[in-house]
Structures are given as structure tokens and as C-alpha cells.
Protein backbone atom coordinates (compact mmCIF):
# COMPACT_ATOMS: atom_id res chain seq x y z
CA MET A 1 -7.76 -5.13 -25.83
CA ALA A 2 -9.29 -6.48 -22.60
CA SER A 3 -8.21 -5.80 -19.08
CA VAL A 4 -7.86 -8.49 -16.23
CA MET A 5 -9.28 -7.10 -12.72
CA GLN A 6 -9.04 -10.31 -11.17
CA ALA A 7 -10.27 -10.93 -7.54
CA VAL A 8 -8.47 -14.19 -7.34
CA PRO A 9 -10.48 -16.88 -4.16
CA VAL A 10 -7.20 -18.70 -4.18
CA ALA A 11 -6.01 -20.51 -1.64
CA ASP A 12 -3.78 -18.96 0.36
CA PRO A 13 -3.78 -15.17 -1.13
CA ILE A 14 -1.10 -13.65 1.02
CA ALA A 15 1.44 -16.42 -0.50
CA GLU A 16 0.03 -15.55 -4.03
CA VAL A 17 1.28 -12.08 -3.42
CA LEU A 18 4.82 -13.28 -2.14
CA ALA A 19 5.46 -15.60 -4.37
CA GLY A 20 8.35 -15.13 -6.50
CA PHE A 21 9.49 -11.80 -4.69
CA SER A 22 13.27 -11.57 -4.20
CA THR A 23 14.26 -14.27 -7.15
CA ARG A 24 12.58 -12.41 -9.98
CA ARG A 25 15.05 -10.60 -11.93
CA VAL A 26 13.55 -7.62 -12.56
CA PRO A 27 15.09 -3.67 -11.60
CA LEU A 28 12.55 -3.47 -8.92
CA ASP A 29 10.84 -5.72 -6.01
CA TYR A 30 8.65 -4.15 -3.31
CA ALA A 31 6.38 -6.08 -0.72
CA TYR A 32 5.01 -4.31 1.99
CA PHE A 33 2.33 -4.62 4.66
CA LYS A 34 0.26 -2.22 7.14
CA PHE A 35 -1.91 -1.90 10.04
CA ASN A 36 -4.23 1.15 12.37
CA LEU A 37 -4.54 0.24 15.83
CA PRO A 38 -7.11 3.12 15.84
CA GLU A 39 -7.68 2.72 19.80
CA ARG A 40 -4.15 3.11 20.94
CA GLY A 41 -3.73 5.63 17.66
CA LEU A 42 -0.73 3.72 16.48
CA ALA A 43 -0.05 2.76 12.63
CA LEU A 44 2.77 0.79 11.07
CA ARG A 45 3.88 0.25 7.78
CA VAL A 46 6.95 -2.31 6.56
CA ASP A 47 8.27 -2.39 3.22
CA ILE A 48 11.20 -4.35 1.84
CA VAL A 49 12.51 -3.25 -1.51
CA ILE A 50 14.62 -4.71 -4.07
CA ARG A 51 16.79 -2.54 -6.26
CA ARG A 52 18.96 -4.95 -8.25
CA ARG A 53 20.46 -1.76 -10.64
CA ARG A 54 21.75 -0.69 -6.80
CA ARG A 55 22.72 -4.02 -5.38
CA LEU A 56 20.48 -2.96 -2.61
CA VAL A 57 18.10 -3.97 -0.23
CA GLN A 58 16.07 -1.59 1.71
CA VAL A 59 13.95 -2.16 4.66
CA ARG A 60 11.70 0.59 6.25
CA ALA A 61 9.43 1.05 9.03
CA HIS A 62 6.50 4.14 9.07
CA LEU A 63 5.71 4.46 12.18
CA TYR A 64 2.82 7.19 13.58
CA HIS A 65 1.85 7.12 17.11
CA LEU A 66 -0.68 10.07 17.70
CA PRO A 67 -2.03 10.82 20.93
CA LEU A 68 -5.44 9.61 21.42
CA HIS A 69 -7.29 13.28 21.31
CA ALA A 70 -5.71 13.96 18.36
CA SER A 71 -7.48 15.92 15.42
CA ALA A 72 -6.90 16.18 12.06
CA SER A 73 -4.57 19.41 12.41
CA ALA A 74 -2.89 17.86 15.47
CA PRO A 75 1.17 16.66 14.94
CA ASP A 76 1.42 13.23 13.78
CA GLY A 77 4.53 12.00 15.92
CA GLY A 78 5.52 9.93 12.83
CA GLN A 79 8.97 8.30 12.48
CA VAL A 80 10.88 6.17 9.01
CA HIS A 81 13.17 3.99 10.10
CA GLN A 82 15.88 2.70 7.47
CA ALA A 83 18.47 0.27 7.16
CA ASP A 84 20.18 -0.41 3.72
CA TYR A 85 21.81 -4.24 3.40
CA PRO A 86 23.70 -5.70 -0.41
CA LEU A 87 21.81 -8.10 -2.13
CA SER A 88 23.63 -10.80 -0.77
CA ALA A 89 21.85 -10.46 2.72
CA ILE A 90 18.64 -11.72 1.50
CA ARG A 91 17.34 -15.31 2.34
CA ARG A 92 14.43 -16.78 1.47
CA ASP A 93 12.84 -20.03 3.49
CA THR A 94 11.48 -23.32 1.33
CA ASP A 95 7.58 -22.02 2.13
CA GLY A 96 8.75 -19.20 0.60
CA GLY A 97 9.20 -16.68 3.12
CA ILE A 98 12.09 -14.03 3.29
CA THR A 99 15.08 -12.99 5.69
CA VAL A 100 16.80 -10.02 5.48
CA ALA A 101 19.32 -9.29 8.59
CA ASP A 102 16.52 -9.14 11.61
CA ILE A 103 13.37 -9.00 9.34
CA TRP A 104 11.72 -11.87 8.66
CA LEU A 105 8.25 -11.76 6.20
CA GLY A 106 6.27 -14.70 4.80
CA ALA A 107 2.88 -15.78 4.11
CA THR A 108 1.76 -16.72 7.81
CA GLY A 109 3.34 -14.03 9.42
CA SER A 110 6.48 -11.35 10.11
CA ARG A 111 8.69 -9.90 12.63
CA GLY A 112 11.69 -8.01 13.01
CA THR A 113 13.36 -4.90 14.03
CA ILE A 114 14.50 -1.54 12.83
CA GLY A 115 15.94 1.09 15.31
CA PRO A 116 13.59 0.82 17.84
CA ILE A 117 10.71 -0.66 16.50
CA SER A 118 10.18 -4.34 16.98
CA TRP A 119 7.19 -6.24 16.04
CA ASP A 120 5.92 -9.69 15.79
CA LEU A 121 2.99 -10.78 13.64
CA VAL A 122 0.56 -13.68 12.47
CA PHE A 123 -1.00 -12.61 9.17
CA GLN A 124 -4.75 -14.24 7.73
CA SER A 125 -6.28 -13.35 5.20
CA THR A 126 -10.55 -12.53 4.66
CA GLY A 127 -10.88 -11.31 1.76
CA PRO A 128 -9.62 -12.23 -1.83
CA LEU A 129 -6.14 -11.57 -4.13
CA LEU A 130 -6.34 -8.53 -6.26
CA ASP A 131 -4.25 -8.86 -9.48
CA PRO A 132 -4.95 -6.01 -12.34
CA ARG A 133 -3.61 -6.29 -15.54
CA ILE A 134 -4.14 -5.77 -19.03
CA ILE A 135 -3.09 -8.83 -20.73
CA LYS A 136 -2.75 -11.91 -18.54
CA ARG A 137 1.50 -12.36 -20.24
CA ILE A 138 1.88 -8.94 -21.13
CA GLN A 139 3.69 -6.43 -19.12
CA PRO A 140 2.65 -2.86 -20.80
CA PHE A 141 3.42 -0.38 -17.83
CA ASP A 142 6.18 0.05 -15.19
CA LEU A 143 5.05 -1.91 -12.56
CA ARG A 144 2.65 -5.03 -11.68
CA PHE A 145 0.65 -4.65 -8.68
CA ARG A 146 -0.95 -7.70 -6.35
CA SER A 147 -2.21 -7.15 -2.97
CA VAL A 148 -4.70 -8.49 -0.09
CA PRO A 149 -6.63 -5.47 0.90
CA ASP A 150 -8.25 -7.61 3.32
CA VAL A 151 -5.90 -8.93 6.40
CA LEU A 152 -6.38 -9.41 9.96
CA MET A 153 -3.40 -9.27 12.03
CA SER A 154 -2.36 -10.59 15.62
CA GLY A 155 0.74 -9.81 17.40
CA SER A 156 2.97 -7.26 19.21
CA ILE A 157 4.88 -3.95 18.11
CA SER A 158 7.25 -2.16 20.75
CA ILE A 159 8.71 1.03 20.77
CA THR A 160 11.22 1.31 22.57
CA ARG A 161 10.75 0.52 26.01
CA HIS A 162 6.77 0.75 25.37
CA GLY A 163 4.63 -2.71 24.30
CA TYR A 164 1.49 -3.39 22.83
CA SER A 165 -0.50 -6.50 22.26
CA PHE A 166 -3.33 -6.99 19.90
CA SER A 167 -5.49 -9.60 18.08
CA HIS A 168 -7.56 -9.58 14.98
CA GLU A 169 -6.84 -6.19 13.85
CA SER A 170 -7.41 -4.61 9.94
CA GLY A 171 -4.38 -4.67 7.97
CA MET A 172 -3.30 -5.58 4.16
CA ILE A 173 -0.19 -6.61 2.25
CA GLY A 174 1.12 -5.83 -1.59
CA ALA A 175 3.79 -6.03 -3.82
CA TYR A 176 4.91 -4.87 -7.16
CA HIS A 177 7.49 -5.38 -9.39
CA GLY A 178 8.57 -3.92 -12.63
CA ARG A 179 10.72 -1.68 -14.61
CA ALA A 180 10.85 1.33 -12.96
CA LEU A 181 8.79 3.61 -10.45
CA PRO A 182 6.50 5.84 -12.50
CA ARG A 183 6.86 9.46 -12.96
CA GLN A 184 4.12 10.09 -10.18
CA TRP A 185 1.91 8.17 -8.52
CA THR A 186 -1.17 8.08 -5.72
CA TRP A 187 -1.83 5.49 -3.79
CA VAL A 188 -5.16 5.11 -0.77
CA SER A 189 -5.50 2.25 1.28
CA CYS A 190 -7.79 1.70 4.62
CA ASN A 191 -9.86 -0.61 5.91
CA THR A 192 -10.19 0.92 9.31
CA PHE A 193 -13.68 3.10 8.97
CA ASP A 194 -16.33 4.30 10.82
CA GLN A 195 -18.55 1.12 9.91
CA PRO A 196 -17.54 -2.30 9.51
CA GLY A 197 -17.06 -4.22 6.76
CA ILE A 198 -15.25 -1.73 4.46
CA SER A 199 -12.24 -1.70 2.75
CA LEU A 200 -10.45 0.40 -0.13
CA GLU A 201 -7.45 0.47 -2.36
CA CYS A 202 -6.66 2.67 -5.19
CA MET A 203 -3.90 3.36 -7.13
CA LEU A 204 -3.18 5.88 -10.35
CA LEU A 205 0.06 5.99 -12.13
CA ASP A 206 1.52 7.86 -14.83
CA SER A 207 3.27 4.58 -16.62
CA ALA A 208 5.58 4.46 -19.52
CA VAL A 209 4.15 1.76 -21.70
CA PHE A 210 6.66 -0.88 -22.43
CA GLY A 211 9.37 1.09 -21.21
CA ILE A 212 9.13 3.63 -23.48
CA PRO A 213 9.59 7.09 -21.83
CA PHE A 214 7.74 9.24 -24.67
CA TRP A 215 5.11 6.93 -24.93
CA ARG A 216 2.99 7.04 -21.24
CA ALA A 217 -0.72 6.62 -20.16
CA GLN A 218 -2.24 7.19 -16.88
CA VAL A 219 -3.83 4.25 -15.70
CA GLY A 220 -5.24 2.81 -12.72
CA TYR A 221 -7.57 0.25 -10.64
CA PHE A 222 -10.03 0.92 -7.80
CA HIS A 223 -11.25 -1.52 -5.38
CA LEU A 224 -14.08 -0.84 -2.90
CA ARG A 225 -15.57 -4.01 -0.42
CA THR A 226 -18.95 -3.14 1.34
CA PRO A 227 -20.90 -5.48 3.65
CA THR A 228 -23.13 -5.61 0.69
CA SER A 229 -21.18 -5.10 -2.78
CA THR A 230 -17.66 -5.10 -3.93
CA TYR A 231 -16.33 -2.50 -6.85
CA LEU A 232 -13.33 -3.64 -8.57
CA LEU A 233 -12.17 -1.81 -12.02
CA MET A 234 -9.80 -0.75 -14.03
CA HIS A 235 -8.89 2.51 -15.18
CA PRO A 236 -9.56 3.39 -18.29
CA PHE A 237 -10.61 -0.31 -19.03
CA THR A 238 -13.50 -1.33 -17.24
CA GLY A 239 -14.40 2.39 -15.57
CA ARG A 240 -12.81 5.88 -15.07
CA VAL A 241 -11.28 7.18 -11.65
CA ARG A 242 -10.59 11.03 -11.78
CA LEU A 243 -8.54 12.61 -9.21
CA SER A 244 -8.57 16.38 -8.38
CA GLY A 245 -7.05 18.59 -5.56
CA ASP A 246 -2.94 17.92 -4.07
CA ARG A 247 -2.01 15.88 -1.30
CA ARG A 248 -3.40 17.59 1.78
CA GLU A 249 -6.74 17.77 0.08
CA PHE A 250 -8.05 15.53 -3.23
CA VAL A 251 -11.16 13.90 -4.42
CA LEU A 252 -11.02 10.52 -6.11
CA THR A 253 -14.23 10.40 -8.72
CA VAL A 254 -15.28 6.73 -9.80
CA ARG A 255 -17.27 6.08 -12.48
CA PRO A 256 -17.94 2.06 -12.93
CA ARG A 257 -19.71 1.31 -16.27
CA VAL A 258 -22.89 -0.42 -14.72
CA SER A 259 -23.38 1.51 -11.19
CA GLU A 260 -23.71 5.24 -9.75
CA VAL A 261 -19.97 7.56 -9.24
CA ILE A 262 -18.28 6.69 -6.05
CA THR A 263 -16.89 9.98 -4.62
CA ILE A 264 -14.26 9.70 -1.79
CA HIS A 265 -12.66 12.99 -0.13
CA CYS A 266 -8.97 12.77 1.31
CA VAL A 267 -7.91 15.29 3.59
CA THR A 268 -4.17 15.25 5.30
CA PRO A 269 -2.14 17.88 6.88
CA ASP A 270 1.07 18.37 6.05
CA GLU A 271 2.73 17.43 9.25
CA ARG A 272 1.22 13.96 9.01
CA PHE A 273 3.25 13.29 5.93
CA HIS A 274 6.96 11.93 6.21
CA THR A 275 8.88 12.77 2.92
CA LEU A 276 10.71 9.95 1.21
CA GLY A 277 12.78 12.00 -1.01
CA ASP A 278 12.26 12.60 -4.85
CA ARG A 279 8.78 14.51 -3.70
CA VAL A 280 7.12 11.18 -2.68
CA TYR A 281 5.19 11.62 0.55
CA THR A 282 3.26 8.89 2.59
CA THR A 283 1.49 8.62 5.37
CA LEU A 284 -0.73 6.22 7.32
CA VAL A 285 -2.69 8.42 9.37
CA GLY A 286 -4.39 10.50 6.65
CA THR A 287 -8.73 10.87 6.40
CA CYS A 288 -10.78 10.29 3.21
CA THR A 289 -14.75 9.77 3.31
CA ILE A 290 -16.54 7.97 0.65
CA ALA A 291 -19.66 9.95 0.00
CA GLY A 292 -22.88 8.71 1.67
CA LEU A 293 -21.32 5.92 3.20
CA SER A 294 -18.22 5.58 5.84
CA THR A 295 -15.40 7.82 7.16
CA ALA A 296 -11.96 6.62 7.93
CA ASP A 297 -10.87 9.34 9.97
CA GLY A 298 -6.86 9.08 11.08
CA THR A 299 -6.37 5.60 9.35
CA ALA A 300 -6.12 5.89 5.70
CA GLY A 301 -3.11 4.91 3.98
CA ILE A 302 -1.81 7.65 1.60
CA GLU A 303 1.16 8.23 -0.39
CA ARG A 304 1.56 10.65 -3.32
CA GLN A 305 4.67 11.66 -5.35
CA ASP A 306 3.62 15.65 -6.26
CA PRO A 307 4.16 16.01 -10.12
CA ALA A 308 8.13 17.79 -10.90
CA ARG A 309 8.37 21.22 -11.39
CA PRO A 310 8.58 22.72 -14.57
CA THR A 311 12.33 24.13 -15.39
CA ARG A 312 12.74 27.32 -17.01
């Protein structure tokens, strides 16, 4: 079976990521963006989650505001704010943008308010669309992913009475949709390393095949861009990705078919994780080191669903 792992040079990658969002008749439809401002110790991720079986739209803002002297063991000061709305609250623009209450997300930017957090952003893609699939017109696994790992973001964010403006900071935007969340997954995303021109995105999941619960597969994708090369594979079809360790410390061992092994070591203390329930832990301020290349010190996005404990 041939895989289709594409980095697609389309005219508007962000518009392609958001194409069809909110109009697909699928149980789960999810769009999100994130960015880090290392010089201010800030990180923000905003999720819009459509859960059709529950006839619900959830909007979440994940905010981290680290002290500038923070180390890997310092408390994170993070928070998550969530608002729930009925499906009838969704409005779609003629240009493909989506509005839910006070939140707007489109190909050119986003603005909104959740709790004490407000933002007004402009997006500019600087890299291709990632579109990992096995077969173009068939979706055998639980979810289909699309993302733009390299996006420049400009604008402002305010937290209560404190405001911050910025220009051309690194971020990313993504979306996924499908039958259901997988039983277990690990997501790593970062484009704010101590060396310029590097971005990393990896997703591994334990998925049902064609929705059959007892027919399962370990699948995923890996993307790494450096100033001199790009690595792009889909596990296990065009290379292999092995994960060892727990959410606090784990190693990704990536074996492309035509190049050397890539090793990524990620360390994040428990106090820098939020829990979203159902054993899902997430952070925007993890630390990941690509062996022999570069380190993202407190700027890595990591999300893991821990395995269920066996029942007696």
C-alpha cells in the first residue's frame, strides 16, 4: 500500500487547512493555532472543537506566562479557559472564516476573547501544507490531519489589563477531523529553537482501522525542516518513529529510509502540563532537543494521552 505524505506548495496553505472546517458531517472537527513569544515568556494555543454527536462547539485558550528567568523546573503559571456553545452558534464567512460567539478564525488571522484572554492576530504562511494520508480518497484511520507548521504571526494579546504587541513571531496552524479521538496519542510541535530556520512536527497515534475497535494500528507522521534539508515521513509506511518514555521525559527515534537516524529528547516537569481530562495532558512550554542540531528550551508544544490503566 503506497502512502501519500505530501508537503503541498498550494497558493494559500492556511486556507487549505481550514477548507471544509465546520461543514463536514463528521463526529469530530477540530482547528487550532499556537505561537510562542520566548522573549516575553508567553505562549498561546486556541482550539475550536466541533463535537456533532453532542451538538456542541468548544472553544479553548491555553495560556502560559512564564517568568523570564524560568528554568525547566520552575512553575509554569499556565491556565486553560473554555467556553461551550450550541452548534447553532457557528457562522461561516463567504471567504471561509468561522465565527463562534466572540471568536473568529480565518486564513488571514484570528481574533477573540475567552475569559481574561483577548487576541487579534494576522497570519502569514512561510512553509507548505502538510497533508499525511495513506490513500488519497480513503480514510482508514480515526483522524485525518492537515497543518502548516511554519506560520508568522503578528498582532496583540492581552491578559486582564496587560497587553503585548509583536510582529513576525513563529507559530503554526492545524486541523483534523474524523470518527473519534484515538485511544492514545503523542503530539510534538515546535518552530522556536535556539537556532533559526528549524521546525518540528510529529504525531503518533493508536488508531482503529475503518472504525473497527479490535482492528488497530500504530500510525503517524514526522516532519522536520532545517536550513539545509527537510525530512518528511509517515510511520510506518515511509519510515519508522519509535517513542519511549512517559510524558515527563521521552525519546523519539526517527528512522527515515534514506537518511541517518534522528533522535529527539523531550523533558517537561509535571507542573508545566495542563490536564484536559480523560488522561490527556498538554503543554506549550516543553523542552525538546534534536540531537546534534538544536534545542527548544521551554517553547515546545507537547500533548499526550496516557495509556489507560489495566482493569483488574
